[in-house]
């Protein structure tokens, strides 16, 4: 990817890859390849941008209500699938500068967190 112009990659939400987030962000930086991650922990560790579900109180409360329903006798297969309702956009300006990228102000104002 580093040899191709306008390249980049997307890291999906995956527990296995997440355990290697330091190595993944270091490789992307070393080879100057932009990457978008699914979790802000990558951006905190030097990644460029993350966009993904916000894993805060709301998602855990919803999960707890499912546990309650199952413990009261409902079958898990009968429960509807839920999707996240809140998403986060996090941007690391230091990483953008190292890649020679300028993030437009219109994108920066949409971010939940901008790391400088």
PDB file of N, CA and C in Angstrom:
ATOM      1  N   UNK A   1       0.811  -1.196   0.000  1.00  0.00           N
ATOM      2  CA  UNK A   1       0.000   0.000   0.000  1.00  0.00           C
ATOM      3  C   UNK A   1       0.854   1.260   0.000  1.00  0.00           C
ATOM      4  N   UNK A   2       1.995   1.193   0.667  1.00  0.00           N
ATOM      5  CA  UNK A   2       2.852   2.374   0.757  1.00  0.00           C
ATOM      6  C   UNK A   2       3.406   2.773  -0.601  1.00  0.00           C
ATOM      7  N   UNK A   3       3.523   1.813  -1.512  1.00  0.00           N
ATOM      8  CA  UNK A   3       4.081   2.101  -2.826  1.00  0.00           C
ATOM      9  C   UNK A   3       3.046   2.640  -3.799  1.00  0.00           C
ATOM     10  N   UNK A   4       1.767   2.480  -3.497  1.00  0.00           N
ATOM     11  CA  UNK A   4       0.704   2.933  -4.381  1.00  0.00           C
ATOM     12  C   UNK A   4       0.228   4.321  -3.963  1.00  0.00           C
ATOM     13  N   UNK A   5       0.003   5.213  -4.933  1.00  0.00           N
ATOM     14  CA  UNK A   5      -0.512   6.537  -4.564  1.00  0.00           C
ATOM     15  C   UNK A   5      -1.956   6.460  -4.091  1.00  0.00           C
ATOM     16  N   UNK A   6      -2.299   7.367  -3.193  1.00  0.00           N
ATOM     17  CA  UNK A   6      -3.673   7.492  -2.689  1.00  0.00           C
ATOM     18  C   UNK A   6      -4.176   6.222  -2.005  1.00  0.00           C
ATOM     19  N   UNK A   7      -3.283   5.486  -1.389  1.00  0.00           N
ATOM     20  CA  UNK A   7      -3.670   4.260  -0.701  1.00  0.00           C
ATOM     21  C   UNK A   7      -4.096   4.533   0.730  1.00  0.00           C
ATOM     22  N   UNK A   8      -4.575   3.533   1.365  1.00  0.00           N
ATOM     23  CA  UNK A   8      -4.986   3.603   2.756  1.00  0.00           C
ATOM     24  C   UNK A   8      -5.708   2.327   3.128  1.00  0.00           C
ATOM     25  N   UNK A   9      -6.074   2.214   4.387  1.00  0.00           N
ATOM     26  CA  UNK A   9      -6.806   1.024   4.800  1.00  0.00           C
ATOM     27  C   UNK A   9      -7.739   1.330   5.960  1.00  0.00           C
ATOM     28  N   UNK A  10      -8.667   0.420   6.163  1.00  0.00           N
ATOM     29  CA  UNK A  10      -9.684   0.521   7.197  1.00  0.00           C
ATOM     30  C   UNK A  10      -9.534  -0.678   8.119  1.00  0.00           C
ATOM     31  N   UNK A  11      -9.475  -0.412   9.411  1.00  0.00           N
ATOM     32  CA  UNK A  11      -9.398  -1.493  10.396  1.00  0.00           C
ATOM     33  C   UNK A  11     -10.797  -1.692  10.993  1.00  0.00           C
ATOM     34  N   UNK A  12     -11.413  -2.846  10.756  1.00  0.00           N
ATOM     35  CA  UNK A  12     -12.749  -3.102  11.292  1.00  0.00           C
ATOM     36  C   UNK A  12     -12.699  -3.394  12.789  1.00  0.00           C
ATOM     37  N   UNK A  13     -13.848  -3.329  13.448  1.00  0.00           N
ATOM     38  CA  UNK A  13     -13.866  -3.680  14.870  1.00  0.00           C
ATOM     39  C   UNK A  13     -13.607  -5.172  15.033  1.00  0.00           C
ATOM     40  N   UNK A  14     -12.472  -5.504  15.582  1.00  0.00           N
ATOM     41  CA  UNK A  14     -12.073  -6.897  15.731  1.00  0.00           C
ATOM     42  C   UNK A  14     -11.195  -7.015  16.965  1.00  0.00           C
ATOM     43  N   UNK A  15     -11.557  -7.881  17.869  1.00  0.00           N
ATOM     44  CA  UNK A  15     -10.827  -8.023  19.121  1.00  0.00           C
ATOM     45  C   UNK A  15      -9.384  -8.470  18.906  1.00  0.00           C
ATOM     46  N   UNK A  16      -9.149  -9.352  17.959  1.00  0.00           N
ATOM     47  CA  UNK A  16      -7.793  -9.835  17.696  1.00  0.00           C
ATOM     48  C   UNK A  16      -6.898  -8.699  17.209  1.00  0.00           C
ATOM     49  N   UNK A  17      -7.385  -7.948  16.234  1.00  0.00           N
ATOM     50  CA  UNK A  17      -6.607  -6.823  15.719  1.00  0.00           C
ATOM     51  C   UNK A  17      -6.435  -5.757  16.792  1.00  0.00           C
ATOM     52  N   UNK A  18      -7.457  -5.548  17.590  1.00  0.00           N
ATOM     53  CA  UNK A  18      -7.402  -4.532  18.647  1.00  0.00           C
ATOM     54  C   UNK A  18      -6.283  -4.791  19.639  1.00  0.00           C
ATOM     55  N   UNK A  19      -5.997  -6.043  19.901  1.00  0.00           N
ATOM     56  CA  UNK A  19      -4.907  -6.358  20.831  1.00  0.00           C
ATOM     57  C   UNK A  19      -3.551  -5.979  20.249  1.00  0.00           C
ATOM     58  N   UNK A  20      -3.505  -5.813  18.922  1.00  0.00           N
ATOM     59  CA  UNK A  20      -2.264  -5.438  18.239  1.00  0.00           C
ATOM     60  C   UNK A  20      -2.276  -3.969  17.804  1.00  0.00           C
ATOM     61  N   UNK A  21      -3.108  -3.134  18.442  1.00  0.00           N
ATOM     62  CA  UNK A  21      -3.279  -1.755  17.977  1.00  0.00           C
ATOM     63  C   UNK A  21      -1.983  -0.950  17.983  1.00  0.00           C
ATOM     64  N   UNK A  22      -1.098  -1.177  18.941  1.00  0.00           N
ATOM     65  CA  UNK A  22       0.172  -0.439  18.952  1.00  0.00           C
ATOM     66  C   UNK A  22       1.007  -0.790  17.721  1.00  0.00           C
ATOM     67  N   UNK A  23       1.063  -2.070  17.384  1.00  0.00           N
ATOM     68  CA  UNK A  23       1.832  -2.496  16.218  1.00  0.00           C
ATOM     69  C   UNK A  23       1.192  -2.008  14.917  1.00  0.00           C
ATOM     70  N   UNK A  24      -0.132  -2.053  14.847  1.00  0.00           N
ATOM     71  CA  UNK A  24      -0.838  -1.631  13.636  1.00  0.00           C
ATOM     72  C   UNK A  24      -0.635  -0.142  13.384  1.00  0.00           C
ATOM     73  N   UNK A  25      -0.802   0.678  14.421  1.00  0.00           N
ATOM     74  CA  UNK A  25      -0.615   2.115  14.231  1.00  0.00           C
ATOM     75  C   UNK A  25       0.846   2.444  13.936  1.00  0.00           C
ATOM     76  N   UNK A  26       1.778   1.730  14.534  1.00  0.00           N
ATOM     77  CA  UNK A  26       3.204   1.966  14.262  1.00  0.00           C
ATOM     78  C   UNK A  26       3.550   1.610  12.821  1.00  0.00           C
ATOM     79  N   UNK A  27       3.014   0.509  12.306  1.00  0.00           N
ATOM     80  CA  UNK A  27       3.270   0.119  10.917  1.00  0.00           C
ATOM     81  C   UNK A  27       2.682   1.133   9.941  1.00  0.00           C
ATOM     82  N   UNK A  28       1.468   1.588  10.218  1.00  0.00           N
ATOM     83  CA  UNK A  28       0.845   2.592   9.343  1.00  0.00           C
ATOM     84  C   UNK A  28       1.677   3.870   9.324  1.00  0.00           C
ATOM     85  N   UNK A  29       2.157   4.297  10.489  1.00  0.00           N
ATOM     86  CA  UNK A  29       2.980   5.512  10.565  1.00  0.00           C
ATOM     87  C   UNK A  29       4.323   5.311   9.872  1.00  0.00           C
ATOM     88  N   UNK A  30       4.969   4.180  10.109  1.00  0.00           N
ATOM     89  CA  UNK A  30       6.283   3.923   9.523  1.00  0.00           C
ATOM     90  C   UNK A  30       6.236   3.921   7.999  1.00  0.00           C
ATOM     91  N   UNK A  31       5.140   3.393   7.442  1.00  0.00           N
ATOM     92  CA  UNK A  31       5.018   3.313   5.989  1.00  0.00           C
ATOM     93  C   UNK A  31       4.213   4.472   5.398  1.00  0.00           C
ATOM     94  N   UNK A  32       3.839   5.427   6.256  1.00  0.00           N
ATOM     95  CA  UNK A  32       3.099   6.624   5.830  1.00  0.00           C
ATOM     96  C   UNK A  32       1.838   6.277   5.043  1.00  0.00           C
ATOM     97  N   UNK A  33       1.066   5.341   5.598  1.00  0.00           N
ATOM     98  CA  UNK A  33      -0.192   4.930   4.974  1.00  0.00           C
ATOM     99  C   UNK A  33      -1.341   5.397   5.877  1.00  0.00           C
ATOM    100  N   UNK A  34      -2.243   6.215   5.347  1.00  0.00           N
ATOM    101  CA  UNK A  34      -3.387   6.647   6.157  1.00  0.00           C
ATOM    102  C   UNK A  34      -4.299   5.467   6.483  1.00  0.00           C
ATOM    103  N   UNK A  35      -4.859   5.498   7.679  1.00  0.00           N
ATOM    104  CA  UNK A  35      -5.757   4.428   8.101  1.00  0.00           C
ATOM    105  C   UNK A  35      -6.907   5.010   8.899  1.00  0.00           C
ATOM    106  N   UNK A  36      -8.052   4.392   8.757  1.00  0.00           N
ATOM    107  CA  UNK A  36      -9.226   4.735   9.545  1.00  0.00           C
ATOM    108  C   UNK A  36      -9.521   3.528  10.423  1.00  0.00           C
ATOM    109  N   UNK A  37      -9.671   3.798  11.696  1.00  0.00           N
ATOM    110  CA  UNK A  37      -9.870   2.731  12.684  1.00  0.00           C
ATOM    111  C   UNK A  37     -11.293   2.782  13.222  1.00  0.00           C
ATOM    112  N   UNK A  38     -11.722   1.723  13.844  1.00  0.00           N
ATOM    113  CA  UNK A  38     -13.080   1.640  14.368  1.00  0.00           C
ATOM    114  C   UNK A  38     -13.170   2.043  15.841  1.00  0.00           C
ATOM    115  N   UNK A  39     -12.033   2.361  16.454  1.00  0.00           N
ATOM    116  CA  UNK A  39     -12.017   2.637  17.893  1.00  0.00           C
ATOM    117  C   UNK A  39     -11.044   3.767  18.188  1.00  0.00           C
ATOM    118  N   UNK A  40     -11.418   4.663  19.075  1.00  0.00           N
ATOM    119  CA  UNK A  40     -10.587   5.817  19.395  1.00  0.00           C
ATOM    120  C   UNK A  40      -9.250   5.446  20.040  1.00  0.00           C
ATOM    121  N   UNK A  41      -9.130   4.249  20.602  1.00  0.00           N
ATOM    122  CA  UNK A  41      -7.868   3.851  21.223  1.00  0.00           C
ATOM    123  C   UNK A  41      -6.716   3.852  20.222  1.00  0.00           C
ATOM    124  N   UNK A  42      -7.010   3.579  18.960  1.00  0.00           N
ATOM    125  CA  UNK A  42      -5.976   3.643  17.919  1.00  0.00           C
ATOM    126  C   UNK A  42      -5.508   5.089  17.728  1.00  0.00           C
ATOM    127  N   UNK A  43      -6.437   6.016  17.735  1.00  0.00           N
ATOM    128  CA  UNK A  43      -6.107   7.434  17.517  1.00  0.00           C
ATOM    129  C   UNK A  43      -5.303   7.976  18.694  1.00  0.00           C
ATOM    130  N   UNK A  44      -5.657   7.577  19.886  1.00  0.00           N
ATOM    131  CA  UNK A  44      -4.908   7.986  21.071  1.00  0.00           C
ATOM    132  C   UNK A  44      -3.467   7.499  20.983  1.00  0.00           C
ATOM    133  N   UNK A  45      -3.277   6.350  20.343  1.00  0.00           N
ATOM    134  CA  UNK A  45      -1.935   5.760  20.216  1.00  0.00           C
ATOM    135  C   UNK A  45      -1.226   6.160  18.926  1.00  0.00           C
ATOM    136  N   UNK A  46      -1.748   7.180  18.233  1.00  0.00           N
ATOM    137  CA  UNK A  46      -1.049   7.707  17.068  1.00  0.00           C
ATOM    138  C   UNK A  46      -1.710   7.466  15.734  1.00  0.00           C
ATOM    139  N   UNK A  47      -2.862   6.793  15.725  1.00  0.00           N
ATOM    140  CA  UNK A  47      -3.578   6.569  14.471  1.00  0.00           C
ATOM    141  C   UNK A  47      -4.194   7.857  13.950  1.00  0.00           C
ATOM    142  N   UNK A  48      -4.561   7.869  12.695  1.00  0.00           N
ATOM    143  CA  UNK A  48      -5.065   9.076  12.037  1.00  0.00           C
ATOM    144  C   UNK A  48      -6.503   9.411  12.425  1.00  0.00           C
ATOM    145  N   UNK A  49      -7.433   8.534  12.134  1.00  0.00           N
ATOM    146  CA  UNK A  49      -8.859   8.810  12.338  1.00  0.00           C
ATOM    147  C   UNK A  49      -9.558   7.546  12.816  1.00  0.00           C
ATOM    148  N   UNK A  50     -10.527   7.722  13.699  1.00  0.00           N
ATOM    149  CA  UNK A  50     -11.397   6.602  14.043  1.00  0.00           C
ATOM    150  C   UNK A  50     -12.840   7.040  13.907  1.00  0.00           C
ATOM    151  N   UNK A  51     -13.651   6.107  13.454  1.00  0.00           N
ATOM    152  CA  UNK A  51     -15.096   6.324  13.382  1.00  0.00           C
ATOM    153  C   UNK A  51     -15.756   5.006  13.695  1.00  0.00           C
ATOM    154  N   UNK A  52     -16.544   5.005  14.744  1.00  0.00           N
ATOM    155  CA  UNK A  52     -17.188   3.760  15.117  1.00  0.00           C
ATOM    156  C   UNK A  52     -18.176   3.958  16.246  1.00  0.00           C
ATOM    157  N   UNK A  53     -18.797   2.887  16.628  1.00  0.00           N
ATOM    158  CA  UNK A  53     -19.798   2.916  17.688  1.00  0.00           C
ATOM    159  C   UNK A  53     -19.177   3.403  18.988  1.00  0.00           C
ATOM    160  N   UNK A  54     -19.944   4.193  19.708  1.00  0.00           N
ATOM    161  CA  UNK A  54     -19.493   4.689  21.009  1.00  0.00           C
ATOM    162  C   UNK A  54     -19.830   3.643  22.063  1.00  0.00           C
ATOM    163  N   UNK A  55     -18.789   3.135  22.693  1.00  0.00           N
ATOM    164  CA  UNK A  55     -18.988   2.102  23.703  1.00  0.00           C
ATOM    165  C   UNK A  55     -19.017   2.747  25.074  1.00  0.00           C
ATOM    166  N   UNK A  56     -20.124   3.390  25.361  1.00  0.00           N
ATOM    167  CA  UNK A  56     -20.298   4.059  26.639  1.00  0.00           C
ATOM    168  C   UNK A  56     -21.443   3.434  27.402  1.00  0.00           C
ATOM    169  N   UNK A  57     -22.014   4.213  28.284  1.00  0.00           N
ATOM    170  CA  UNK A  57     -23.065   3.733  29.162  1.00  0.00           C
ATOM    171  C   UNK A  57     -24.294   3.217  28.450  1.00  0.00           C
ATOM    172  N   UNK A  58     -24.697   3.891  27.359  1.00  0.00           N
ATOM    173  CA  UNK A  58     -25.933   3.516  26.688  1.00  0.00           C
ATOM    174  C   UNK A  58     -25.890   2.085  26.148  1.00  0.00           C
ATOM    175  N   UNK A  59     -24.809   1.718  25.518  1.00  0.00           N
ATOM    176  CA  UNK A  59     -24.720   0.381  24.929  1.00  0.00           C
ATOM    177  C   UNK A  59     -24.680  -0.705  26.023  1.00  0.00           C
ATOM    178  N   UNK A  60     -24.083  -0.379  27.169  1.00  0.00           N
ATOM    179  CA  UNK A  60     -24.044  -1.340  28.271  1.00  0.00           C
ATOM    180  C   UNK A  60     -25.405  -1.456  28.954  1.00  0.00           C
ATOM    181  N   UNK A  61     -26.140  -0.343  29.059  1.00  0.00           N
ATOM    182  CA  UNK A  61     -27.497  -0.406  29.616  1.00  0.00           C
ATOM    183  C   UNK A  61     -28.402  -1.261  28.736  1.00  0.00           C
ATOM    184  N   UNK A  62     -28.259  -1.095  27.426  1.00  0.00           N
ATOM    185  CA  UNK A  62     -29.072  -1.894  26.510  1.00  0.00           C
ATOM    186  C   UNK A  62     -28.713  -3.364  26.630  1.00  0.00           C
ATOM    187  N   UNK A  63     -27.447  -3.677  26.779  1.00  0.00           N
ATOM    188  CA  UNK A  63     -27.019  -5.068  26.954  1.00  0.00           C
ATOM    189  C   UNK A  63     -27.570  -5.623  28.264  1.00  0.00           C
ATOM    190  N   UNK A  64     -27.566  -4.817  29.306  1.00  0.00           N
ATOM    191  CA  UNK A  64     -28.081  -5.266  30.605  1.00  0.00           C
ATOM    192  C   UNK A  64     -29.571  -5.594  30.518  1.00  0.00           C
ATOM    193  N   UNK A  65     -30.307  -4.828  29.726  1.00  0.00           N
ATOM    194  CA  UNK A  65     -31.740  -5.124  29.592  1.00  0.00           C
ATOM    195  C   UNK A  65     -31.945  -6.463  28.886  1.00  0.00           C
ATOM    196  N   UNK A  66     -31.034  -6.819  27.969  1.00  0.00           N
ATOM    197  CA  UNK A  66     -31.119  -8.116  27.311  1.00  0.00           C
ATOM    198  C   UNK A  66     -30.806  -9.238  28.297  1.00  0.00           C
ATOM    199  N   UNK A  67     -29.816  -9.043  29.136  1.00  0.00           N
ATOM    200  CA  UNK A  67     -29.493 -10.045  30.158  1.00  0.00           C
ATOM    201  C   UNK A  67     -30.699 -10.253  31.058  1.00  0.00           C
ATOM    202  N   UNK A  68     -31.339  -9.149  31.455  1.00  0.00           N
ATOM    203  CA  UNK A  68     -32.522  -9.240  32.299  1.00  0.00           C
ATOM    204  C   UNK A  68     -33.628 -10.033  31.611  1.00  0.00           C
ATOM    205  N   UNK A  69     -33.864  -9.756  30.352  1.00  0.00           N
ATOM    206  CA  UNK A  69     -34.920 -10.450  29.608  1.00  0.00           C
ATOM    207  C   UNK A  69     -34.617 -11.951  29.490  1.00  0.00           C
ATOM    208  N   UNK A  70     -33.361 -12.281  29.271  1.00  0.00           N
ATOM    209  CA  UNK A  70     -32.979 -13.698  29.155  1.00  0.00           C
ATOM    210  C   UNK A  70     -33.135 -14.408  30.499  1.00  0.00           C
ATOM    211  N   UNK A  71     -32.716 -13.732  31.568  1.00  0.00           N
ATOM    212  CA  UNK A  71     -32.854 -14.332  32.896  1.00  0.00           C
ATOM    213  C   UNK A  71     -34.321 -14.501  33.297  1.00  0.00           C
ATOM    214  N   UNK A  72     -35.203 -13.725  32.712  1.00  0.00           N
ATOM    215  CA  UNK A  72     -36.635 -13.857  32.991  1.00  0.00           C
ATOM    216  C   UNK A  72     -37.313 -14.880  32.083  1.00  0.00           C
ATOM    217  N   UNK A  73     -36.513 -15.537  31.212  1.00  0.00           N
ATOM    218  CA  UNK A  73     -37.050 -16.640  30.439  1.00  0.00           C
ATOM    219  C   UNK A  73     -37.159 -16.449  28.938  1.00  0.00           C
ATOM    220  N   UNK A  74     -36.899 -15.248  28.427  1.00  0.00           N
ATOM    221  CA  UNK A  74     -36.980 -15.065  26.977  1.00  0.00           C
ATOM    222  C   UNK A  74     -35.821 -15.797  26.298  1.00  0.00           C
ATOM    223  N   UNK A  75     -36.095 -16.309  25.133  1.00  0.00           N
ATOM    224  CA  UNK A  75     -35.061 -17.007  24.364  1.00  0.00           C
ATOM    225  C   UNK A  75     -34.202 -15.971  23.635  1.00  0.00           C
ATOM    226  N   UNK A  76     -32.890 -16.100  23.716  1.00  0.00           N
ATOM    227  CA  UNK A  76     -32.011 -15.154  23.018  1.00  0.00           C
ATOM    228  C   UNK A  76     -32.313 -15.065  21.524  1.00  0.00           C
ATOM    229  N   UNK A  77     -32.697 -16.173  20.911  1.00  0.00           N
ATOM    230  CA  UNK A  77     -32.996 -16.173  19.475  1.00  0.00           C
ATOM    231  C   UNK A  77     -34.227 -15.343  19.138  1.00  0.00           C
ATOM    232  N   UNK A  78     -35.086 -15.106  20.136  1.00  0.00           N
ATOM    233  CA  UNK A  78     -36.298 -14.328  19.900  1.00  0.00           C
ATOM    234  C   UNK A  78     -36.091 -12.829  20.096  1.00  0.00           C
ATOM    235  N   UNK A  79     -34.941 -12.442  20.625  1.00  0.00           N
ATOM    236  CA  UNK A  79     -34.681 -11.020  20.859  1.00  0.00           C
ATOM    237  C   UNK A  79     -34.215 -10.354  19.567  1.00  0.00           C
ATOM    238  N   UNK A  80     -34.692  -9.149  19.313  1.00  0.00           N
ATOM    239  CA  UNK A  80     -34.274  -8.471  18.076  1.00  0.00           C
ATOM    240  C   UNK A  80     -32.812  -8.035  18.133  1.00  0.00           C
ATOM    241  N   UNK A  81     -32.207  -7.970  16.969  1.00  0.00           N
ATOM    242  CA  UNK A  81     -30.831  -7.485  16.870  1.00  0.00           C
ATOM    243  C   UNK A  81     -30.855  -5.977  17.053  1.00  0.00           C
ATOM    244  N   UNK A  82     -29.919  -5.482  17.823  1.00  0.00           N
ATOM    245  CA  UNK A  82     -29.827  -4.035  18.030  1.00  0.00           C
ATOM    246  C   UNK A  82     -28.552  -3.509  17.400  1.00  0.00           C
ATOM    247  N   UNK A  83     -28.640  -2.289  16.910  1.00  0.00           N
ATOM    248  CA  UNK A  83     -27.480  -1.606  16.367  1.00  0.00           C
ATOM    249  C   UNK A  83     -27.151  -0.421  17.250  1.00  0.00           C
ATOM    250  N   UNK A  84     -25.893  -0.017  17.270  1.00  0.00           N
ATOM    251  CA  UNK A  84     -25.526   1.177  18.040  1.00  0.00           C
ATOM    252  C   UNK A  84     -26.288   2.395  17.535  1.00  0.00           C
ATOM    253  N   UNK A  85     -26.539   3.334  18.423  1.00  0.00           N
ATOM    254  CA  UNK A  85     -27.235   4.562  18.038  1.00  0.00           C
ATOM    255  C   UNK A  85     -26.319   5.776  18.103  1.00  0.00           C
ATOM    256  N   UNK A  86     -25.175   5.619  18.748  1.00  0.00           N
ATOM    257  CA  UNK A  86     -24.222   6.720  18.860  1.00  0.00           C
ATOM    258  C   UNK A  86     -22.877   6.296  18.281  1.00  0.00           C
ATOM    259  N   UNK A  87     -22.304   7.189  17.507  1.00  0.00           N
ATOM    260  CA  UNK A  87     -21.001   6.934  16.885  1.00  0.00           C
ATOM    261  C   UNK A  87     -20.052   8.075  17.221  1.00  0.00           C
ATOM    262  N   UNK A  88     -18.760   7.783  17.194  1.00  0.00           N
ATOM    263  CA  UNK A  88     -17.711   8.767  17.500  1.00  0.00           C
ATOM    264  C   UNK A  88     -16.810   8.968  16.297  1.00  0.00           C
ATOM    265  N   UNK A  89     -16.359  10.222  16.130  1.00  0.00           N
ATOM    266  CA  UNK A  89     -15.342  10.562  15.156  1.00  0.00           C
ATOM    267  C   UNK A  89     -14.194  11.190  15.927  1.00  0.00           C
ATOM    268  N   UNK A  90     -13.024  10.591  15.846  1.00  0.00           N
ATOM    269  CA  UNK A  90     -11.832  11.092  16.532  1.00  0.00           C
ATOM    270  C   UNK A  90     -10.732  11.299  15.503  1.00  0.00           C
ATOM    271  N   UNK A  91     -10.008  12.412  15.647  1.00  0.00           N
ATOM    272  CA  UNK A  91      -8.976  12.774  14.671  1.00  0.00           C
ATOM    273  C   UNK A  91      -7.688  13.129  15.402  1.00  0.00           C
ATOM    274  N   UNK A  92      -6.575  12.619  14.886  1.00  0.00           N
ATOM    275  CA  UNK A  92      -5.259  12.920  15.438  1.00  0.00           C
ATOM    276  C   UNK A  92      -4.546  13.848  14.449  1.00  0.00           C
ATOM    277  N   UNK A  93      -4.453  15.135  14.803  1.00  0.00           N
ATOM    278  CA  UNK A  93      -3.833  16.109  13.906  1.00  0.00           C
ATOM    279  C   UNK A  93      -2.332  15.900  13.756  1.00  0.00           C
ATOM    280  N   UNK A  94      -1.691  15.387  14.788  1.00  0.00           N
ATOM    281  CA  UNK A  94      -0.253  15.104  14.699  1.00  0.00           C
ATOM    282  C   UNK A  94       0.004  14.030  13.637  1.00  0.00           C
ATOM    283  N   UNK A  95      -0.831  13.000  13.624  1.00  0.00           N
ATOM    284  CA  UNK A  95      -0.706  11.944  12.616  1.00  0.00           C
ATOM    285  C   UNK A  95      -1.006  12.488  11.222  1.00  0.00           C
ATOM    286  N   UNK A  96      -2.008  13.353  11.115  1.00  0.00           N
ATOM    287  CA  UNK A  96      -2.340  13.951   9.821  1.00  0.00           C
ATOM    288  C   UNK A  96      -1.172  14.764   9.288  1.00  0.00           C
ATOM    289  N   UNK A  97      -0.558  15.542  10.166  1.00  0.00           N
ATOM    290  CA  UNK A  97       0.592  16.362   9.753  1.00  0.00           C
ATOM    291  C   UNK A  97       1.752  15.475   9.295  1.00  0.00           C
ATOM    292  N   UNK A  98       2.005  14.392  10.013  1.00  0.00           N
ATOM    293  CA  UNK A  98       3.094  13.486   9.645  1.00  0.00           C
ATOM    294  C   UNK A  98       2.848  12.842   8.278  1.00  0.00           C
ATOM    295  N   UNK A  99       1.577  12.679   7.909  1.00  0.00           N
ATOM    296  CA  UNK A  99       1.227  12.098   6.611  1.00  0.00           C
ATOM    297  C   UNK A  99       1.108  13.156   5.514  1.00  0.00           C
ATOM    298  N   UNK A 100       1.254  14.423   5.904  1.00  0.00           N
ATOM    299  CA  UNK A 100       1.119  15.505   4.932  1.00  0.00           C
ATOM    300  C   UNK A 100      -0.326  15.778   4.547  1.00  0.00           C
ATOM    301  N   UNK A 101      -1.250  15.460   5.438  1.00  0.00           N
ATOM    302  CA  UNK A 101      -2.678  15.655   5.181  1.00  0.00           C
ATOM    303  C   UNK A 101      -3.200  16.859   5.946  1.00  0.00           C
ATOM    304  N   UNK A 102      -4.098  17.578   5.325  1.00  0.00           N
ATOM    305  CA  UNK A 102      -4.763  18.686   6.008  1.00  0.00           C
ATOM    306  C   UNK A 102      -6.234  18.317   6.166  1.00  0.00           C
ATOM    307  N   UNK A 103      -6.675  18.290   7.396  1.00  0.00           N
ATOM    308  CA  UNK A 103      -8.075  17.950   7.680  1.00  0.00           C
ATOM    309  C   UNK A 103      -8.889  19.237   7.567  1.00  0.00           C
ATOM    310  N   UNK A 104      -9.909  19.257   6.715  1.00  0.00           N
ATOM    311  CA  UNK A 104     -10.718  20.472   6.553  1.00  0.00           C
ATOM    312  C   UNK A 104     -11.405  20.876   7.860  1.00  0.00           C
ATOM    313  N   UNK A 105     -11.520  22.172   8.110  1.00  0.00           N
ATOM    314  CA  UNK A 105     -12.209  22.638   9.323  1.00  0.00           C
ATOM    315  C   UNK A 105     -13.629  22.093   9.446  1.00  0.00           C
ATOM    316  N   UNK A 106     -14.312  21.895   8.330  1.00  0.00           N
ATOM    317  CA  UNK A 106     -15.678  21.366   8.375  1.00  0.00           C
ATOM    318  C   UNK A 106     -15.722  19.949   8.938  1.00  0.00           C
ATOM    319  N   UNK A 107     -14.640  19.202   8.777  1.00  0.00           N
ATOM    320  CA  UNK A 107     -14.564  17.849   9.347  1.00  0.00           C
ATOM    321  C   UNK A 107     -14.163  17.936  10.819  1.00  0.00           C
ATOM    322  N   UNK A 108     -13.248  18.842  11.131  1.00  0.00           N
ATOM    323  CA  UNK A 108     -12.795  18.990  12.520  1.00  0.00           C
ATOM    324  C   UNK A 108     -13.941  19.365  13.461  1.00  0.00           C
ATOM    325  N   UNK A 109     -14.870  20.215  13.015  1.00  0.00           N
ATOM    326  CA  UNK A 109     -15.973  20.608  13.897  1.00  0.00           C
ATOM    327  C   UNK A 109     -16.936  19.455  14.147  1.00  0.00           C
ATOM    328  N   UNK A 110     -16.954  18.464  13.271  1.00  0.00           N
ATOM    329  CA  UNK A 110     -17.818  17.295  13.478  1.00  0.00           C
ATOM    330  C   UNK A 110     -17.213  16.284  14.436  1.00  0.00           C
ATOM    331  N   UNK A 111     -15.916  16.395  14.692  1.00  0.00           N
ATOM    332  CA  UNK A 111     -15.223  15.408  15.515  1.00  0.00           C
ATOM    333  C   UNK A 111     -15.647  15.491  16.969  1.00  0.00           C
ATOM    334  N   UNK A 112     -15.723  14.336  17.594  1.00  0.00           N
ATOM    335  CA  UNK A 112     -15.987  14.274  19.031  1.00  0.00           C
ATOM    336  C   UNK A 112     -14.735  14.611  19.812  1.00  0.00           C
ATOM    337  N   UNK A 113     -13.562  14.271  19.243  1.00  0.00           N
ATOM    338  CA  UNK A 113     -12.295  14.583  19.885  1.00  0.00           C
ATOM    339  C   UNK A 113     -11.241  14.847  18.808  1.00  0.00           C
ATOM    340  N   UNK A 114     -10.477  15.921  18.989  1.00  0.00           N
ATOM    341  CA  UNK A 114      -9.368  16.235  18.104  1.00  0.00           C
ATOM    342  C   UNK A 114      -8.119  16.233  18.969  1.00  0.00           C
ATOM    343  N   UNK A 115      -7.186  15.354  18.636  1.00  0.00           N
ATOM    344  CA  UNK A 115      -5.940  15.240  19.384  1.00  0.00           C
ATOM    345  C   UNK A 115      -4.887  16.027  18.617  1.00  0.00           C
ATOM    346  N   UNK A 116      -4.237  16.946  19.328  1.00  0.00           N
ATOM    347  CA  UNK A 116      -3.246  17.792  18.659  1.00  0.00           C
ATOM    348  C   UNK A 116      -1.836  17.399  19.023  1.00  0.00           C
TER     349      UNK A 116
END
